[in-house]
Every structure is written in structure tokens, then in C-alpha cells.
PDB file of N, CA and C in Angstrom:
ATOM      1  N   MET A   1       3.820  33.379  -5.285  1.00  0.00           N
ATOM      2  CA  MET A   1       4.116  31.955  -5.421  1.00  0.00           C
ATOM      3  C   MET A   1       4.570  31.974  -6.967  1.00  0.00           C
ATOM      4  N   ASP A   2       5.507  31.224  -7.492  1.00  0.00           N
ATOM      5  CA  ASP A   2       5.793  30.845  -8.674  1.00  0.00           C
ATOM      6  C   ASP A   2       5.314  29.479  -9.410  1.00  0.00           C
ATOM      7  N   ASN A   3       5.659  28.935 -10.522  1.00  0.00           N
ATOM      8  CA  ASN A   3       5.375  27.775 -10.745  1.00  0.00           C
ATOM      9  C   ASN A   3       5.732  26.415 -10.656  1.00  0.00           C
ATOM     10  N   SER A   4       7.204  27.001  -9.701  1.00  0.00           N
ATOM     11  CA  SER A   4       7.929  25.751  -9.572  1.00  0.00           C
ATOM     12  C   SER A   4       7.370  25.100  -7.879  1.00  0.00           C
ATOM     13  N   THR A   5       7.144  26.298  -7.483  1.00  0.00           N
ATOM     14  CA  THR A   5       6.684  26.196  -6.417  1.00  0.00           C
ATOM     15  C   THR A   5       4.911  25.510  -6.133  1.00  0.00           C
ATOM     16  N   ILE A   6       4.169  25.697  -7.047  1.00  0.00           N
ATOM     17  CA  ILE A   6       3.086  24.805  -7.108  1.00  0.00           C
ATOM     18  C   ILE A   6       3.564  23.415  -7.476  1.00  0.00           C
ATOM     19  N   ILE A   7       4.330  23.257  -8.158  1.00  0.00           N
ATOM     20  CA  ILE A   7       4.884  21.807  -9.035  1.00  0.00           C
ATOM     21  C   ILE A   7       5.004  21.023  -7.690  1.00  0.00           C
ATOM     22  N   ASP A   8       5.890  21.566  -7.242  1.00  0.00           N
ATOM     23  CA  ASP A   8       6.578  20.920  -5.705  1.00  0.00           C
ATOM     24  C   ASP A   8       5.420  20.171  -4.933  1.00  0.00           C
ATOM     25  N   LEU A   9       4.624  21.101  -4.776  1.00  0.00           N
ATOM     26  CA  LEU A   9       3.296  20.788  -4.045  1.00  0.00           C
ATOM     27  C   LEU A   9       2.681  19.918  -4.470  1.00  0.00           C
ATOM     28  N   SER A  10       2.221  19.768  -5.689  1.00  0.00           N
ATOM     29  CA  SER A  10       1.536  19.143  -6.595  1.00  0.00           C
ATOM     30  C   SER A  10       2.193  17.598  -6.286  1.00  0.00           C
ATOM     31  N   ILE A  11       3.740  17.198  -6.559  1.00  0.00           N
ATOM     32  CA  ILE A  11       4.173  16.140  -6.624  1.00  0.00           C
ATOM     33  C   ILE A  11       4.493  15.404  -5.064  1.00  0.00           C
ATOM     34  N   ASP A  12       4.497  16.552  -4.022  1.00  0.00           N
ATOM     35  CA  ASP A  12       4.217  16.069  -2.328  1.00  0.00           C
ATOM     36  C   ASP A  12       3.056  15.329  -2.348  1.00  0.00           C
ATOM     37  N   PHE A  13       2.113  16.303  -3.297  1.00  0.00           N
ATOM     38  CA  PHE A  13       0.324  15.623  -2.675  1.00  0.00           C
ATOM     39  C   PHE A  13       0.381  14.172  -3.501  1.00  0.00           C
ATOM     40  N   LEU A  14       0.906  14.149  -4.460  1.00  0.00           N
ATOM     41  CA  LEU A  14       0.725  12.786  -5.326  1.00  0.00           C
ATOM     42  C   LEU A  14       1.593  11.821  -4.592  1.00  0.00           C
ATOM     43  N   GLN A  15       2.781  11.916  -3.849  1.00  0.00           N
ATOM     44  CA  GLN A  15       3.552  11.063  -3.177  1.00  0.00           C
ATOM     45  C   GLN A  15       2.718  10.702  -2.040  1.00  0.00           C
ATOM     46  N   LEU A  16       2.387  11.773  -1.264  1.00  0.00           N
ATOM     47  CA  LEU A  16       1.351  11.136  -0.269  1.00  0.00           C
ATOM     48  C   LEU A  16       0.207  10.394  -0.555  1.00  0.00           C
ATOM     49  N   PHE A  17      -0.567  10.807  -1.683  1.00  0.00           N
ATOM     50  CA  PHE A  17      -1.781   9.528  -2.176  1.00  0.00           C
ATOM     51  C   PHE A  17      -1.050   8.228  -2.517  1.00  0.00           C
ATOM     52  N   ILE A  18      -0.467   8.229  -2.959  1.00  0.00           N
ATOM     53  CA  ILE A  18       0.614   6.643  -3.396  1.00  0.00           C
ATOM     54  C   ILE A  18       1.235   6.307  -2.313  1.00  0.00           C
ATOM     55  N   SER A  19       1.286   6.854  -1.121  1.00  0.00           N
ATOM     56  CA  SER A  19       1.685   6.576   0.203  1.00  0.00           C
ATOM     57  C   SER A  19       0.709   6.127   0.923  1.00  0.00           C
ATOM     58  N   ILE A  20      -0.471   6.731   0.929  1.00  0.00           N
ATOM     59  CA  ILE A  20      -1.792   5.989   1.393  1.00  0.00           C
ATOM     60  C   ILE A  20      -2.320   5.022   0.837  1.00  0.00           C
ATOM     61  N   ALA A  21      -2.284   5.021  -0.752  1.00  0.00           N
ATOM     62  CA  ALA A  21      -2.925   3.900  -1.626  1.00  0.00           C
ATOM     63  C   ALA A  21      -2.042   2.737  -1.059  1.00  0.00           C
ATOM     64  N   ALA A  22      -0.591   2.555  -0.982  1.00  0.00           N
ATOM     65  CA  ALA A  22       0.103   1.517  -0.825  1.00  0.00           C
ATOM     66  C   ALA A  22      -0.202   0.633   0.634  1.00  0.00           C
ATOM     67  N   CYS A  23      -0.472   1.835   1.463  1.00  0.00           N
ATOM     68  CA  CYS A  23      -1.111   0.956   2.856  1.00  0.00           C
ATOM     69  C   CYS A  23      -2.458   0.350   2.883  1.00  0.00           C
ATOM     70  N   ILE A  24      -3.028   1.031   2.363  1.00  0.00           N
ATOM     71  CA  ILE A  24      -4.465   0.364   2.300  1.00  0.00           C
ATOM     72  C   ILE A  24      -4.816  -0.676   1.334  1.00  0.00           C
ATOM     73  N   SER A  25      -3.794  -0.778   0.063  1.00  0.00           N
ATOM     74  CA  SER A  25      -4.276  -1.926  -0.760  1.00  0.00           C
ATOM     75  C   SER A  25      -3.982  -3.169   0.062  1.00  0.00           C
ATOM     76  N   PRO A  26      -2.933  -3.437   0.550  1.00  0.00           N
ATOM     77  CA  PRO A  26      -2.814  -4.578   1.196  1.00  0.00           C
ATOM     78  C   PRO A  26      -3.716  -5.108   2.459  1.00  0.00           C
ATOM     79  N   LEU A  27      -4.132  -4.103   3.096  1.00  0.00           N
ATOM     80  CA  LEU A  27      -5.497  -4.331   3.896  1.00  0.00           C
ATOM     81  C   LEU A  27      -6.537  -4.880   3.021  1.00  0.00           C
ATOM     82  N   LEU A  28      -6.879  -3.969   2.018  1.00  0.00           N
ATOM     83  CA  LEU A  28      -8.235  -4.376   1.460  1.00  0.00           C
ATOM     84  C   LEU A  28      -8.166  -6.213   0.989  1.00  0.00           C
ATOM     85  N   ALA A  29      -6.881  -6.097   0.459  1.00  0.00           N
ATOM     86  CA  ALA A  29      -6.796  -7.471  -0.084  1.00  0.00           C
ATOM     87  C   ALA A  29      -6.759  -8.364   1.374  1.00  0.00           C
ATOM     88  N   CYS A  30      -6.191  -8.224   2.077  1.00  0.00           N
ATOM     89  CA  CYS A  30      -6.165  -9.233   3.570  1.00  0.00           C
ATOM     90  C   CYS A  30      -7.601  -9.631   3.764  1.00  0.00           C
ATOM     91  N   ALA A  31      -8.707  -8.027   3.912  1.00  0.00           N
ATOM     92  CA  ALA A  31      -9.525  -8.465   4.579  1.00  0.00           C
ATOM     93  C   ALA A  31     -10.366  -9.586   3.494  1.00  0.00           C
ATOM     94  N   THR A  32     -10.374  -8.960   2.358  1.00  0.00           N
ATOM     95  CA  THR A  32     -10.930 -10.170   1.205  1.00  0.00           C
ATOM     96  C   THR A  32     -10.922 -11.228   1.349  1.00  0.00           C
ATOM     97  N   ALA A  33      -9.712 -11.633   1.860  1.00  0.00           N
ATOM     98  CA  ALA A  33      -9.262 -12.921   1.824  1.00  0.00           C
ATOM     99  C   ALA A  33      -9.382 -13.660   2.783  1.00  0.00           C
ATOM    100  N   LEU A  34      -9.604 -13.027   4.132  1.00  0.00           N
ATOM    101  CA  LEU A  34     -10.198 -13.384   5.451  1.00  0.00           C
ATOM    102  C   LEU A  34     -11.698 -13.391   5.125  1.00  0.00           C
ATOM    103  N   GLY A  35     -12.198 -12.733   4.522  1.00  0.00           N
ATOM    104  CA  GLY A  35     -13.651 -12.810   4.339  1.00  0.00           C
ATOM    105  C   GLY A  35     -14.297 -14.420   4.058  1.00  0.00           C
ATOM    106  N   ILE A  36     -13.257 -14.070   2.071  1.00  0.00           N
ATOM    107  CA  ILE A  36     -13.471 -15.227   1.396  1.00  0.00           C
ATOM    108  C   ILE A  36     -13.406 -16.432   2.476  1.00  0.00           C
ATOM    109  N   LEU A  37     -12.425 -16.909   3.069  1.00  0.00           N
ATOM    110  CA  LEU A  37     -11.966 -17.664   3.881  1.00  0.00           C
ATOM    111  C   LEU A  37     -12.837 -17.841   4.949  1.00  0.00           C
ATOM    112  N   LEU A  38     -13.715 -17.228   5.416  1.00  0.00           N
ATOM    113  CA  LEU A  38     -14.865 -17.460   6.642  1.00  0.00           C
ATOM    114  C   LEU A  38     -15.723 -17.831   6.114  1.00  0.00           C
ATOM    115  N   TRP A  39     -16.104 -17.332   5.110  1.00  0.00           N
ATOM    116  CA  TRP A  39     -17.278 -17.507   4.093  1.00  0.00           C
ATOM    117  C   TRP A  39     -17.448 -18.741   3.623  1.00  0.00           C
ATOM    118  N   CYS A  40     -16.084 -19.507   3.574  1.00  0.00           N
ATOM    119  CA  CYS A  40     -16.300 -20.573   2.771  1.00  0.00           C
ATOM    120  C   CYS A  40     -16.359 -21.757   4.302  1.00  0.00           C
ATOM    121  N   GLY A  41     -16.089 -21.179   5.214  1.00  0.00           N
ATOM    122  CA  GLY A  41     -16.593 -22.243   6.588  1.00  0.00           C
ATOM    123  C   GLY A  41     -15.346 -22.524   7.424  1.00  0.00           C
ATOM    124  N   LEU A  42     -13.911 -21.763   6.952  1.00  0.00           N
ATOM    125  CA  LEU A  42     -12.834 -22.214   7.631  1.00  0.00           C
ATOM    126  C   LEU A  42     -13.116 -21.728   8.866  1.00  0.00           C
ATOM    127  N   ARG A  43     -12.250 -22.432  10.025  1.00  0.00           N
ATOM    128  CA  ARG A  43     -12.344 -21.807  11.417  1.00  0.00           C
ATOM    129  C   ARG A  43     -11.335 -20.703  11.200  1.00  0.00           C
ATOM    130  N   PHE A  44     -11.513 -19.518  12.298  1.00  0.00           N
ATOM    131  CA  PHE A  44     -10.565 -18.459  12.287  1.00  0.00           C
ATOM    132  C   PHE A  44      -9.365 -18.709  13.181  1.00  0.00           C
ATOM    133  N   GLY A  45      -8.424 -19.583  13.076  1.00  0.00           N
ATOM    134  CA  GLY A  45      -7.333 -19.841  13.884  1.00  0.00           C
ATOM    135  C   GLY A  45      -6.597 -18.855  14.284  1.00  0.00           C
ATOM    136  N   SER A  46      -5.727 -19.233  15.256  1.00  0.00           N
ATOM    137  CA  SER A  46      -4.846 -18.083  15.716  1.00  0.00           C
ATOM    138  C   SER A  46      -3.638 -17.654  14.769  1.00  0.00           C
ATOM    139  N   ILE A  47      -3.255 -18.175  13.828  1.00  0.00           N
ATOM    140  CA  ILE A  47      -2.716 -17.898  12.807  1.00  0.00           C
ATOM    141  C   ILE A  47      -2.737 -17.036  12.136  1.00  0.00           C
ATOM    142  N   LEU A  48      -4.106 -17.154  12.042  1.00  0.00           N
ATOM    143  CA  LEU A  48      -4.829 -15.751  10.933  1.00  0.00           C
ATOM    144  C   LEU A  48      -4.582 -14.386  11.649  1.00  0.00           C
ATOM    145  N   THR A  49      -3.999 -14.130  13.029  1.00  0.00           N
ATOM    146  CA  THR A  49      -4.165 -13.019  13.609  1.00  0.00           C
ATOM    147  C   THR A  49      -3.045 -11.972  13.021  1.00  0.00           C
ATOM    148  N   ALA A  50      -2.074 -13.455  13.066  1.00  0.00           N
ATOM    149  CA  ALA A  50      -0.775 -12.335  12.236  1.00  0.00           C
ATOM    150  C   ALA A  50      -0.558 -12.190  10.740  1.00  0.00           C
ATOM    151  N   THR A  51      -1.965 -12.581  10.110  1.00  0.00           N
ATOM    152  CA  THR A  51      -1.751 -12.633   8.755  1.00  0.00           C
ATOM    153  C   THR A  51      -1.816 -11.083   8.488  1.00  0.00           C
ATOM    154  N   PRO A  52      -2.716 -10.069   8.550  1.00  0.00           N
ATOM    155  CA  PRO A  52      -2.861  -8.838   8.282  1.00  0.00           C
ATOM    156  C   PRO A  52      -1.685  -8.105   8.577  1.00  0.00           C
ATOM    157  N   ILE A  53      -0.843  -8.311   9.216  1.00  0.00           N
ATOM    158  CA  ILE A  53       0.493  -7.332   9.572  1.00  0.00           C
ATOM    159  C   ILE A  53       1.540  -8.182   8.825  1.00  0.00           C
ATOM    160  N   LEU A  54       1.754  -9.112   8.538  1.00  0.00           N
ATOM    161  CA  LEU A  54       2.572  -9.706   7.657  1.00  0.00           C
ATOM    162  C   LEU A  54       2.315  -9.340   6.051  1.00  0.00           C
ATOM    163  N   VAL A  55       1.073  -9.324   5.442  1.00  0.00           N
ATOM    164  CA  VAL A  55       0.565  -8.853   4.608  1.00  0.00           C
ATOM    165  C   VAL A  55       1.191  -7.175   4.410  1.00  0.00           C
ATOM    166  N   LEU A  56       0.211  -6.644   5.263  1.00  0.00           N
ATOM    167  CA  LEU A  56       0.636  -5.303   5.103  1.00  0.00           C
ATOM    168  C   LEU A  56       2.035  -4.789   5.363  1.00  0.00           C
ATOM    169  N   ALA A  57       2.958  -5.726   5.889  1.00  0.00           N
ATOM    170  CA  ALA A  57       4.521  -5.246   5.915  1.00  0.00           C
ATOM    171  C   ALA A  57       5.152  -5.569   4.510  1.00  0.00           C
ATOM    172  N   ILE A  58       4.927  -6.983   3.877  1.00  0.00           N
ATOM    173  CA  ILE A  58       5.304  -7.169   2.891  1.00  0.00           C
ATOM    174  C   ILE A  58       4.667  -6.243   1.521  1.00  0.00           C
ATOM    175  N   GLY A  59       3.618  -5.883   1.719  1.00  0.00           N
ATOM    176  CA  GLY A  59       2.816  -5.118   0.583  1.00  0.00           C
ATOM    177  C   GLY A  59       3.339  -3.421   0.837  1.00  0.00           C
ATOM    178  N   VAL A  60       3.368  -2.832   1.929  1.00  0.00           N
ATOM    179  CA  VAL A  60       3.929  -1.651   1.999  1.00  0.00           C
ATOM    180  C   VAL A  60       5.384  -1.711   1.470  1.00  0.00           C
ATOM    181  N   ASP A  61       6.410  -2.589   1.851  1.00  0.00           N
ATOM    182  CA  ASP A  61       7.600  -2.632   1.482  1.00  0.00           C
ATOM    183  C   ASP A  61       7.721  -2.573   0.232  1.00  0.00           C
ATOM    184  N   ASP A  62       7.054  -3.583  -1.001  1.00  0.00           N
ATOM    185  CA  ASP A  62       7.042  -3.935  -2.291  1.00  0.00           C
ATOM    186  C   ASP A  62       6.765  -2.212  -2.639  1.00  0.00           C
ATOM    187  N   ALA A  63       5.429  -1.835  -2.184  1.00  0.00           N
ATOM    188  CA  ALA A  63       4.846  -0.830  -3.174  1.00  0.00           C
ATOM    189  C   ALA A  63       6.150   0.373  -2.814  1.00  0.00           C
ATOM    190  N   PHE A  64       6.596   0.822  -1.757  1.00  0.00           N
ATOM    191  CA  PHE A  64       8.035   1.466  -2.009  1.00  0.00           C
ATOM    192  C   PHE A  64       8.890   1.676  -2.878  1.00  0.00           C
ATOM    193  N   LEU A  65       9.255   0.159  -2.540  1.00  0.00           N
ATOM    194  CA  LEU A  65      10.657   0.004  -3.542  1.00  0.00           C
ATOM    195  C   LEU A  65       9.988   0.329  -4.902  1.00  0.00           C
ATOM    196  N   MET A  66       8.591  -0.118  -5.259  1.00  0.00           N
ATOM    197  CA  MET A  66       8.467   0.472  -6.705  1.00  0.00           C
ATOM    198  C   MET A  66       8.276   1.750  -7.213  1.00  0.00           C
ATOM    199  N   ILE A  67       8.020   2.460  -6.122  1.00  0.00           N
ATOM    200  CA  ILE A  67       7.461   4.083  -5.857  1.00  0.00           C
ATOM    201  C   ILE A  67       8.907   4.441  -6.107  1.00  0.00           C
ATOM    202  N   ASN A  68      10.100   4.163  -5.280  1.00  0.00           N
ATOM    203  CA  ASN A  68      11.397   4.253  -5.453  1.00  0.00           C
ATOM    204  C   ASN A  68      11.815   4.509  -6.672  1.00  0.00           C
ATOM    205  N   HIS A  69      12.000   3.501  -7.373  1.00  0.00           N
ATOM    206  CA  HIS A  69      12.545   2.680  -8.635  1.00  0.00           C
ATOM    207  C   HIS A  69      11.716   3.891  -9.558  1.00  0.00           C
ATOM    208  N   TRP A  70      10.105   4.201  -9.417  1.00  0.00           N
ATOM    209  CA  TRP A  70       9.493   4.418 -10.431  1.00  0.00           C
ATOM    210  C   TRP A  70      10.228   6.226 -10.479  1.00  0.00           C
ATOM    211  N   GLN A  71      10.103   6.736  -9.166  1.00  0.00           N
ATOM    212  CA  GLN A  71      11.090   8.195  -9.536  1.00  0.00           C
ATOM    213  C   GLN A  71      12.198   8.331  -9.466  1.00  0.00           C
ATOM    214  N   GLN A  72      13.037   7.552  -9.708  1.00  0.00           N
ATOM    215  CA  GLN A  72      14.363   6.901 -10.441  1.00  0.00           C
ATOM    216  C   GLN A  72      14.430   7.273 -11.659  1.00  0.00           C
ATOM    217  N   ILE A  73      13.233   6.487 -11.841  1.00  0.00           N
ATOM    218  CA  ILE A  73      13.239   6.373 -14.096  1.00  0.00           C
ATOM    219  C   ILE A  73      12.857   7.722 -14.201  1.00  0.00           C
ATOM    220  N   TYR A  74      11.756   8.301 -13.423  1.00  0.00           N
ATOM    221  CA  TYR A  74      11.502   9.862 -13.703  1.00  0.00           C
ATOM    222  C   TYR A  74      12.323  10.880 -13.917  1.00  0.00           C
ATOM    223  N   GLN A  75      13.563  10.850 -12.891  1.00  0.00           N
ATOM    224  CA  GLN A  75      14.170  11.757 -12.814  1.00  0.00           C
ATOM    225  C   GLN A  75      15.340  12.122 -13.812  1.00  0.00           C
ATOM    226  N   GLN A  76      15.354  10.634 -14.358  1.00  0.00           N
ATOM    227  CA  GLN A  76      16.147  10.250 -15.744  1.00  0.00           C
ATOM    228  C   GLN A  76      15.880  11.260 -16.767  1.00  0.00           C
TER     229      GLN A  76
END
């Protein structure tokens, strides 16, 4: 195994870590926001059940766009 293979493996691991973090971050933000709302005494409505899915979709999409742009800058 030469050095280039080791570098390629580490970059793939980094991309995996960033992808997992991009999925976890919006979910943690949504859980925190819902927890604060419920702690303040607001009732749990039916619209709040769709909120985590929307936040995850938008957050992950934006995260992968930023990762893609970061990789394009890194390659230049």
C-alpha cells in the first residue's frame, strides 16, 4: 500500500464524517427547538410532526452544496 492509497482512504473517511455530521446537525437543531417550544408551554400541533423532515431536507441539501463547493475550491 503506497502513500497515495492511504491519502485516498483518509479523504473518503473525511467525506463520510462530514456527511454524517451534515445529517445529524439539522436533527439536533430541530430537537432543541421543539424541546424549547414544549418547555415554554406551547401545545404540540400536527404541523410540528412535519417540521423535522423539512428541516432535515433543507439542512442536508445546504450542507452537501457547501461540501461540494468546498471540494471544488480545494481541487483548484
